[in-house]
Amino acid sequence: MTKKEEIRQMIEEVVPLVDADSDFLFAELDSLGVTAILMTLARRYGISLEAEDATPRNLKDLDSIVTMVERKQQQ
């Protein structure tokens, strides 16, 4: 399973009413959804995610989330 598939599955579990494949994922999320996704990503990948990471750029779509996770893993 690729990281993108893992993250898609995680999003579907954490916020089941949101379309994980949406081109505008951030627009579909409320603050609780954003927080749940960031907390789950941080736990699952052992990375540090802060409120500053909750940007439309980082959470725009599945690809941008994967990019953010990979960038954080390299830090």
PDB file of N, CA and C in Angstrom:
ATOM      1  N   MET A   1       0.849  -1.174   0.000  1.00  0.00           N
ATOM      2  CA  MET A   1       0.000   0.000   0.000  1.00  0.00           C
ATOM      3  C   MET A   1       0.898   1.242   0.000  1.00  0.00           C
ATOM      4  N   THR A   2       0.608   2.177  -0.870  1.00  0.00           N
ATOM      5  CA  THR A   2       1.398   3.408  -0.940  1.00  0.00           C
ATOM      6  C   THR A   2       0.997   4.350   0.193  1.00  0.00           C
ATOM      7  N   LYS A   3       1.835   5.334   0.437  1.00  0.00           N
ATOM      8  CA  LYS A   3       1.526   6.323   1.473  1.00  0.00           C
ATOM      9  C   LYS A   3       0.227   7.055   1.145  1.00  0.00           C
ATOM     10  N   LYS A   4       0.014   7.356  -0.135  1.00  0.00           N
ATOM     11  CA  LYS A   4      -1.216   8.039  -0.540  1.00  0.00           C
ATOM     12  C   LYS A   4      -2.440   7.182  -0.216  1.00  0.00           C
ATOM     13  N   GLU A   5      -2.359   5.889  -0.475  1.00  0.00           N
ATOM     14  CA  GLU A   5      -3.482   4.999  -0.164  1.00  0.00           C
ATOM     15  C   GLU A   5      -3.700   4.904   1.343  1.00  0.00           C
ATOM     16  N   GLU A   6      -2.595   4.850   2.114  1.00  0.00           N
ATOM     17  CA  GLU A   6      -2.706   4.813   3.579  1.00  0.00           C
ATOM     18  C   GLU A   6      -3.406   6.064   4.099  1.00  0.00           C
ATOM     19  N   ILE A   7      -3.001   7.224   3.577  1.00  0.00           N
ATOM     20  CA  ILE A   7      -3.581   8.486   4.036  1.00  0.00           C
ATOM     21  C   ILE A   7      -5.047   8.588   3.614  1.00  0.00           C
ATOM     22  N   ARG A   8      -5.376   8.136   2.409  1.00  0.00           N
ATOM     23  CA  ARG A   8      -6.779   8.129   1.977  1.00  0.00           C
ATOM     24  C   ARG A   8      -7.620   7.297   2.946  1.00  0.00           C
ATOM     25  N   GLN A   9      -7.141   6.113   3.267  1.00  0.00           N
ATOM     26  CA  GLN A   9      -7.865   5.230   4.181  1.00  0.00           C
ATOM     27  C   GLN A   9      -8.012   5.880   5.562  1.00  0.00           C
ATOM     28  N   MET A  10      -6.946   6.522   6.036  1.00  0.00           N
ATOM     29  CA  MET A  10      -6.982   7.182   7.327  1.00  0.00           C
ATOM     30  C   MET A  10      -8.024   8.304   7.332  1.00  0.00           C
ATOM     31  N   ILE A  11      -8.049   9.110   6.272  1.00  0.00           N
ATOM     32  CA  ILE A  11      -9.018  10.202   6.192  1.00  0.00           C
ATOM     33  C   ILE A  11     -10.436   9.644   6.179  1.00  0.00           C
ATOM     34  N   GLU A  12     -10.658   8.571   5.438  1.00  0.00           N
ATOM     35  CA  GLU A  12     -11.987   7.962   5.380  1.00  0.00           C
ATOM     36  C   GLU A  12     -12.426   7.446   6.740  1.00  0.00           C
ATOM     37  N   GLU A  13     -11.474   7.003   7.568  1.00  0.00           N
ATOM     38  CA  GLU A  13     -11.798   6.525   8.912  1.00  0.00           C
ATOM     39  C   GLU A  13     -12.053   7.679   9.878  1.00  0.00           C
ATOM     40  N   VAL A  14     -11.234   8.722   9.778  1.00  0.00           N
ATOM     41  CA  VAL A  14     -11.303   9.833  10.732  1.00  0.00           C
ATOM     42  C   VAL A  14     -12.464  10.783  10.434  1.00  0.00           C
ATOM     43  N   VAL A  15     -12.681  11.086   9.160  1.00  0.00           N
ATOM     44  CA  VAL A  15     -13.774  11.976   8.756  1.00  0.00           C
ATOM     45  C   VAL A  15     -14.553  11.298   7.620  1.00  0.00           C
ATOM     46  N   PRO A  16     -15.387  10.332   7.964  1.00  0.00           N
ATOM     47  CA  PRO A  16     -16.053   9.503   6.945  1.00  0.00           C
ATOM     48  C   PRO A  16     -17.009  10.253   6.016  1.00  0.00           C
ATOM     49  N   LEU A  17     -17.489  11.407   6.393  1.00  0.00           N
ATOM     50  CA  LEU A  17     -18.429  12.135   5.541  1.00  0.00           C
ATOM     51  C   LEU A  17     -17.742  13.011   4.506  1.00  0.00           C
ATOM     52  N   VAL A  18     -16.409  13.053   4.533  1.00  0.00           N
ATOM     53  CA  VAL A  18     -15.637  13.888   3.622  1.00  0.00           C
ATOM     54  C   VAL A  18     -15.095  13.023   2.487  1.00  0.00           C
ATOM     55  N   ASP A  19     -15.138  13.554   1.270  1.00  0.00           N
ATOM     56  CA  ASP A  19     -14.594  12.852   0.108  1.00  0.00           C
ATOM     57  C   ASP A  19     -13.075  13.017   0.101  1.00  0.00           C
ATOM     58  N   ALA A  20     -12.352  11.961   0.440  1.00  0.00           N
ATOM     59  CA  ALA A  20     -10.894  12.015   0.528  1.00  0.00           C
ATOM     60  C   ALA A  20     -10.246  12.312  -0.817  1.00  0.00           C
ATOM     61  N   ASP A  21     -10.941  12.068  -1.902  1.00  0.00           N
ATOM     62  CA  ASP A  21     -10.388  12.309  -3.234  1.00  0.00           C
ATOM     63  C   ASP A  21     -10.788  13.664  -3.814  1.00  0.00           C
ATOM     64  N   SER A  22     -11.402  14.493  -3.015  1.00  0.00           N
ATOM     65  CA  SER A  22     -11.834  15.812  -3.472  1.00  0.00           C
ATOM     66  C   SER A  22     -10.641  16.676  -3.866  1.00  0.00           C
ATOM     67  N   ASP A  23     -10.817  17.469  -4.909  1.00  0.00           N
ATOM     68  CA  ASP A  23      -9.782  18.419  -5.315  1.00  0.00           C
ATOM     69  C   ASP A  23      -9.738  19.624  -4.385  1.00  0.00           C
ATOM     70  N   PHE A  24     -10.748  19.760  -3.543  1.00  0.00           N
ATOM     71  CA  PHE A  24     -10.833  20.872  -2.598  1.00  0.00           C
ATOM     72  C   PHE A  24     -11.148  20.335  -1.203  1.00  0.00           C
ATOM     73  N   LEU A  25     -10.347  19.391  -0.766  1.00  0.00           N
ATOM     74  CA  LEU A  25     -10.562  18.716   0.508  1.00  0.00           C
ATOM     75  C   LEU A  25     -10.647  19.704   1.669  1.00  0.00           C
ATOM     76  N   PHE A  26      -9.760  20.691   1.696  1.00  0.00           N
ATOM     77  CA  PHE A  26      -9.749  21.655   2.800  1.00  0.00           C
ATOM     78  C   PHE A  26     -11.094  22.354   2.949  1.00  0.00           C
ATOM     79  N   ALA A  27     -11.744  22.649   1.842  1.00  0.00           N
ATOM     80  CA  ALA A  27     -13.031  23.344   1.875  1.00  0.00           C
ATOM     81  C   ALA A  27     -14.127  22.481   2.497  1.00  0.00           C
ATOM     82  N   GLU A  28     -13.953  21.170   2.477  1.00  0.00           N
ATOM     83  CA  GLU A  28     -14.962  20.262   3.032  1.00  0.00           C
ATOM     84  C   GLU A  28     -14.763  19.999   4.522  1.00  0.00           C
ATOM     85  N   LEU A  29     -13.640  20.447   5.072  1.00  0.00           N
ATOM     86  CA  LEU A  29     -13.308  20.142   6.461  1.00  0.00           C
ATOM     87  C   LEU A  29     -13.700  21.274   7.401  1.00  0.00           C
ATOM     88  N   ASP A  30     -14.202  20.897   8.573  1.00  0.00           N
ATOM     89  CA  ASP A  30     -14.391  21.885   9.631  1.00  0.00           C
ATOM     90  C   ASP A  30     -13.170  21.803  10.546  1.00  0.00           C
ATOM     91  N   SER A  31     -13.137  22.626  11.567  1.00  0.00           N
ATOM     92  CA  SER A  31     -11.953  22.679  12.429  1.00  0.00           C
ATOM     93  C   SER A  31     -11.693  21.356  13.147  1.00  0.00           C
ATOM     94  N   LEU A  32     -12.745  20.657  13.521  1.00  0.00           N
ATOM     95  CA  LEU A  32     -12.563  19.357  14.178  1.00  0.00           C
ATOM     96  C   LEU A  32     -11.985  18.333  13.208  1.00  0.00           C
ATOM     97  N   GLY A  33     -12.420  18.371  11.961  1.00  0.00           N
ATOM     98  CA  GLY A  33     -11.893  17.466  10.945  1.00  0.00           C
ATOM     99  C   GLY A  33     -10.418  17.718  10.686  1.00  0.00           C
ATOM    100  N   VAL A  34     -10.048  18.988  10.582  1.00  0.00           N
ATOM    101  CA  VAL A  34      -8.644  19.349  10.370  1.00  0.00           C
ATOM    102  C   VAL A  34      -7.806  18.856  11.542  1.00  0.00           C
ATOM    103  N   THR A  35      -8.268  19.116  12.762  1.00  0.00           N
ATOM    104  CA  THR A  35      -7.543  18.700  13.958  1.00  0.00           C
ATOM    105  C   THR A  35      -7.404  17.180  14.011  1.00  0.00           C
ATOM    106  N   ALA A  36      -8.473  16.468  13.714  1.00  0.00           N
ATOM    107  CA  ALA A  36      -8.438  15.001  13.742  1.00  0.00           C
ATOM    108  C   ALA A  36      -7.446  14.454  12.722  1.00  0.00           C
ATOM    109  N   ILE A  37      -7.431  15.022  11.539  1.00  0.00           N
ATOM    110  CA  ILE A  37      -6.500  14.567  10.503  1.00  0.00           C
ATOM    111  C   ILE A  37      -5.060  14.844  10.931  1.00  0.00           C
ATOM    112  N   LEU A  38      -4.776  16.045  11.403  1.00  0.00           N
ATOM    113  CA  LEU A  38      -3.412  16.384  11.812  1.00  0.00           C
ATOM    114  C   LEU A  38      -2.936  15.500  12.958  1.00  0.00           C
ATOM    115  N   MET A  39      -3.786  15.260  13.942  1.00  0.00           N
ATOM    116  CA  MET A  39      -3.406  14.420  15.077  1.00  0.00           C
ATOM    117  C   MET A  39      -3.142  12.986  14.630  1.00  0.00           C
ATOM    118  N   THR A  40      -3.979  12.472  13.763  1.00  0.00           N
ATOM    119  CA  THR A  40      -3.818  11.098  13.295  1.00  0.00           C
ATOM    120  C   THR A  40      -2.559  10.953  12.443  1.00  0.00           C
ATOM    121  N   LEU A  41      -2.308  11.915  11.565  1.00  0.00           N
ATOM    122  CA  LEU A  41      -1.089  11.881  10.749  1.00  0.00           C
ATOM    123  C   LEU A  41       0.153  11.940  11.641  1.00  0.00           C
ATOM    124  N   ALA A  42       0.145  12.815  12.625  1.00  0.00           N
ATOM    125  CA  ALA A  42       1.286  12.957  13.524  1.00  0.00           C
ATOM    126  C   ALA A  42       1.568  11.653  14.257  1.00  0.00           C
ATOM    127  N   ARG A  43       0.531  11.021  14.758  1.00  0.00           N
ATOM    128  CA  ARG A  43       0.680   9.758  15.479  1.00  0.00           C
ATOM    129  C   ARG A  43       1.158   8.642  14.556  1.00  0.00           C
ATOM    130  N   ARG A  44       0.518   8.522  13.413  1.00  0.00           N
ATOM    131  CA  ARG A  44       0.813   7.418  12.504  1.00  0.00           C
ATOM    132  C   ARG A  44       2.211   7.506  11.910  1.00  0.00           C
ATOM    133  N   TYR A  45       2.658   8.721  11.595  1.00  0.00           N
ATOM    134  CA  TYR A  45       3.948   8.869  10.917  1.00  0.00           C
ATOM    135  C   TYR A  45       5.053   9.410  11.815  1.00  0.00           C
ATOM    136  N   GLY A  46       4.770   9.619  13.088  1.00  0.00           N
ATOM    137  CA  GLY A  46       5.787  10.080  14.020  1.00  0.00           C
ATOM    138  C   GLY A  46       6.354  11.440  13.667  1.00  0.00           C
ATOM    139  N   ILE A  47       5.478  12.336  13.230  1.00  0.00           N
ATOM    140  CA  ILE A  47       5.899  13.675  12.846  1.00  0.00           C
ATOM    141  C   ILE A  47       5.234  14.693  13.759  1.00  0.00           C
ATOM    142  N   SER A  48       5.784  15.891  13.769  1.00  0.00           N
ATOM    143  CA  SER A  48       5.208  16.971  14.558  1.00  0.00           C
ATOM    144  C   SER A  48       4.420  17.902  13.639  1.00  0.00           C
ATOM    145  N   LEU A  49       3.130  18.013  13.890  1.00  0.00           N
ATOM    146  CA  LEU A  49       2.269  18.906  13.121  1.00  0.00           C
ATOM    147  C   LEU A  49       1.655  19.924  14.068  1.00  0.00           C
ATOM    148  N   GLU A  50       1.737  21.173  13.692  1.00  0.00           N
ATOM    149  CA  GLU A  50       1.237  22.264  14.518  1.00  0.00           C
ATOM    150  C   GLU A  50       0.054  22.941  13.824  1.00  0.00           C
ATOM    151  N   ALA A  51      -0.568  23.867  14.519  1.00  0.00           N
ATOM    152  CA  ALA A  51      -1.698  24.610  13.946  1.00  0.00           C
ATOM    153  C   ALA A  51      -1.284  25.328  12.663  1.00  0.00           C
ATOM    154  N   GLU A  52      -0.019  25.760  12.601  1.00  0.00           N
ATOM    155  CA  GLU A  52       0.469  26.461  11.411  1.00  0.00           C
ATOM    156  C   GLU A  52       0.471  25.570  10.165  1.00  0.00           C
ATOM    157  N   ASP A  53       0.428  24.250  10.361  1.00  0.00           N
ATOM    158  CA  ASP A  53       0.410  23.312   9.237  1.00  0.00           C
ATOM    159  C   ASP A  53      -0.987  23.153   8.647  1.00  0.00           C
ATOM    160  N   ALA A  54      -1.995  23.646   9.327  1.00  0.00           N
ATOM    161  CA  ALA A  54      -3.388  23.503   8.891  1.00  0.00           C
ATOM    162  C   ALA A  54      -3.742  24.610   7.902  1.00  0.00           C
ATOM    163  N   THR A  55      -3.089  24.582   6.757  1.00  0.00           N
ATOM    164  CA  THR A  55      -3.323  25.602   5.737  1.00  0.00           C
ATOM    165  C   THR A  55      -4.039  25.000   4.531  1.00  0.00           C
ATOM    166  N   PRO A  56      -4.732  25.830   3.777  1.00  0.00           N
ATOM    167  CA  PRO A  56      -5.360  25.322   2.556  1.00  0.00           C
ATOM    168  C   PRO A  56      -4.332  24.697   1.601  1.00  0.00           C
ATOM    169  N   ARG A  57      -3.134  25.227   1.597  1.00  0.00           N
ATOM    170  CA  ARG A  57      -2.086  24.671   0.721  1.00  0.00           C
ATOM    171  C   ARG A  57      -1.716  23.247   1.148  1.00  0.00           C
ATOM    172  N   ASN A  58      -1.545  23.007   2.443  1.00  0.00           N
ATOM    173  CA  ASN A  58      -1.150  21.688   2.936  1.00  0.00           C
ATOM    174  C   ASN A  58      -2.283  20.678   2.898  1.00  0.00           C
ATOM    175  N   LEU A  59      -3.518  21.141   2.996  1.00  0.00           N
ATOM    176  CA  LEU A  59      -4.668  20.239   3.075  1.00  0.00           C
ATOM    177  C   LEU A  59      -5.605  20.376   1.877  1.00  0.00           C
ATOM    178  N   LYS A  60      -5.088  20.922   0.782  1.00  0.00           N
ATOM    179  CA  LYS A  60      -5.913  21.152  -0.405  1.00  0.00           C
ATOM    180  C   LYS A  60      -6.509  19.864  -0.947  1.00  0.00           C
ATOM    181  N   ASP A  61      -5.668  18.844  -1.072  1.00  0.00           N
ATOM    182  CA  ASP A  61      -6.115  17.554  -1.602  1.00  0.00           C
ATOM    183  C   ASP A  61      -5.191  16.473  -1.072  1.00  0.00           C
ATOM    184  N   LEU A  62      -5.443  15.255  -1.464  1.00  0.00           N
ATOM    185  CA  LEU A  62      -4.675  14.123  -0.972  1.00  0.00           C
ATOM    186  C   LEU A  62      -3.196  14.245  -1.310  1.00  0.00           C
ATOM    187  N   ASP A  63      -2.867  14.691  -2.508  1.00  0.00           N
ATOM    188  CA  ASP A  63      -1.466  14.839  -2.904  1.00  0.00           C
ATOM    189  C   ASP A  63      -0.739  15.868  -2.040  1.00  0.00           C
ATOM    190  N   SER A  64      -1.404  16.968  -1.717  1.00  0.00           N
ATOM    191  CA  SER A  64      -0.747  17.986  -0.895  1.00  0.00           C
ATOM    192  C   SER A  64      -0.543  17.488   0.536  1.00  0.00           C
ATOM    193  N   ILE A  65      -1.430  16.652   1.031  1.00  0.00           N
ATOM    194  CA  ILE A  65      -1.257  16.066   2.364  1.00  0.00           C
ATOM    195  C   ILE A  65      -0.061  15.119   2.358  1.00  0.00           C
ATOM    196  N   VAL A  66       0.048  14.292   1.327  1.00  0.00           N
ATOM    197  CA  VAL A  66       1.190  13.376   1.205  1.00  0.00           C
ATOM    198  C   VAL A  66       2.491  14.178   1.155  1.00  0.00           C
ATOM    199  N   THR A  67       2.514  15.254   0.390  1.00  0.00           N
ATOM    200  CA  THR A  67       3.704  16.100   0.285  1.00  0.00           C
ATOM    201  C   THR A  67       4.070  16.685   1.642  1.00  0.00           C
ATOM    202  N   MET A  68       3.077  17.157   2.399  1.00  0.00           N
ATOM    203  CA  MET A  68       3.333  17.718   3.723  1.00  0.00           C
ATOM    204  C   MET A  68       3.931  16.658   4.653  1.00  0.00           C
ATOM    205  N   VAL A  69       3.352  15.458   4.649  1.00  0.00           N
ATOM    206  CA  VAL A  69       3.850  14.379   5.504  1.00  0.00           C
ATOM    207  C   VAL A  69       5.290  14.036   5.137  1.00  0.00           C
ATOM    208  N   GLU A  70       5.575  13.899   3.862  1.00  0.00           N
ATOM    209  CA  GLU A  70       6.932  13.564   3.429  1.00  0.00           C
ATOM    210  C   GLU A  70       7.922  14.660   3.797  1.00  0.00           C
ATOM    211  N   ARG A  71       7.511  15.918   3.672  1.00  0.00           N
ATOM    212  CA  ARG A  71       8.375  17.032   4.039  1.00  0.00           C
ATOM    213  C   ARG A  71       8.668  17.001   5.546  1.00  0.00           C
ATOM    214  N   LYS A  72       7.660  16.731   6.339  1.00  0.00           N
ATOM    215  CA  LYS A  72       7.838  16.681   7.793  1.00  0.00           C
ATOM    216  C   LYS A  72       8.718  15.497   8.204  1.00  0.00           C
ATOM    217  N   GLN A  73       8.610  14.390   7.491  1.00  0.00           N
ATOM    218  CA  GLN A  73       9.436  13.224   7.808  1.00  0.00           C
ATOM    219  C   GLN A  73      10.908  13.493   7.525  1.00  0.00           C
ATOM    220  N   GLN A  74      11.198  14.359   6.583  1.00  0.00           N
ATOM    221  CA  GLN A  74      12.581  14.677   6.228  1.00  0.00           C
ATOM    222  C   GLN A  74      13.211  15.686   7.185  1.00  0.00           C
ATOM    223  N   GLN A  75      12.404  16.368   7.954  1.00  0.00           N
ATOM    224  CA  GLN A  75      12.925  17.400   8.868  1.00  0.00           C
ATOM    225  C   GLN A  75      13.558  16.777  10.095  1.00  0.00           C
TER     226      GLN A  75
END
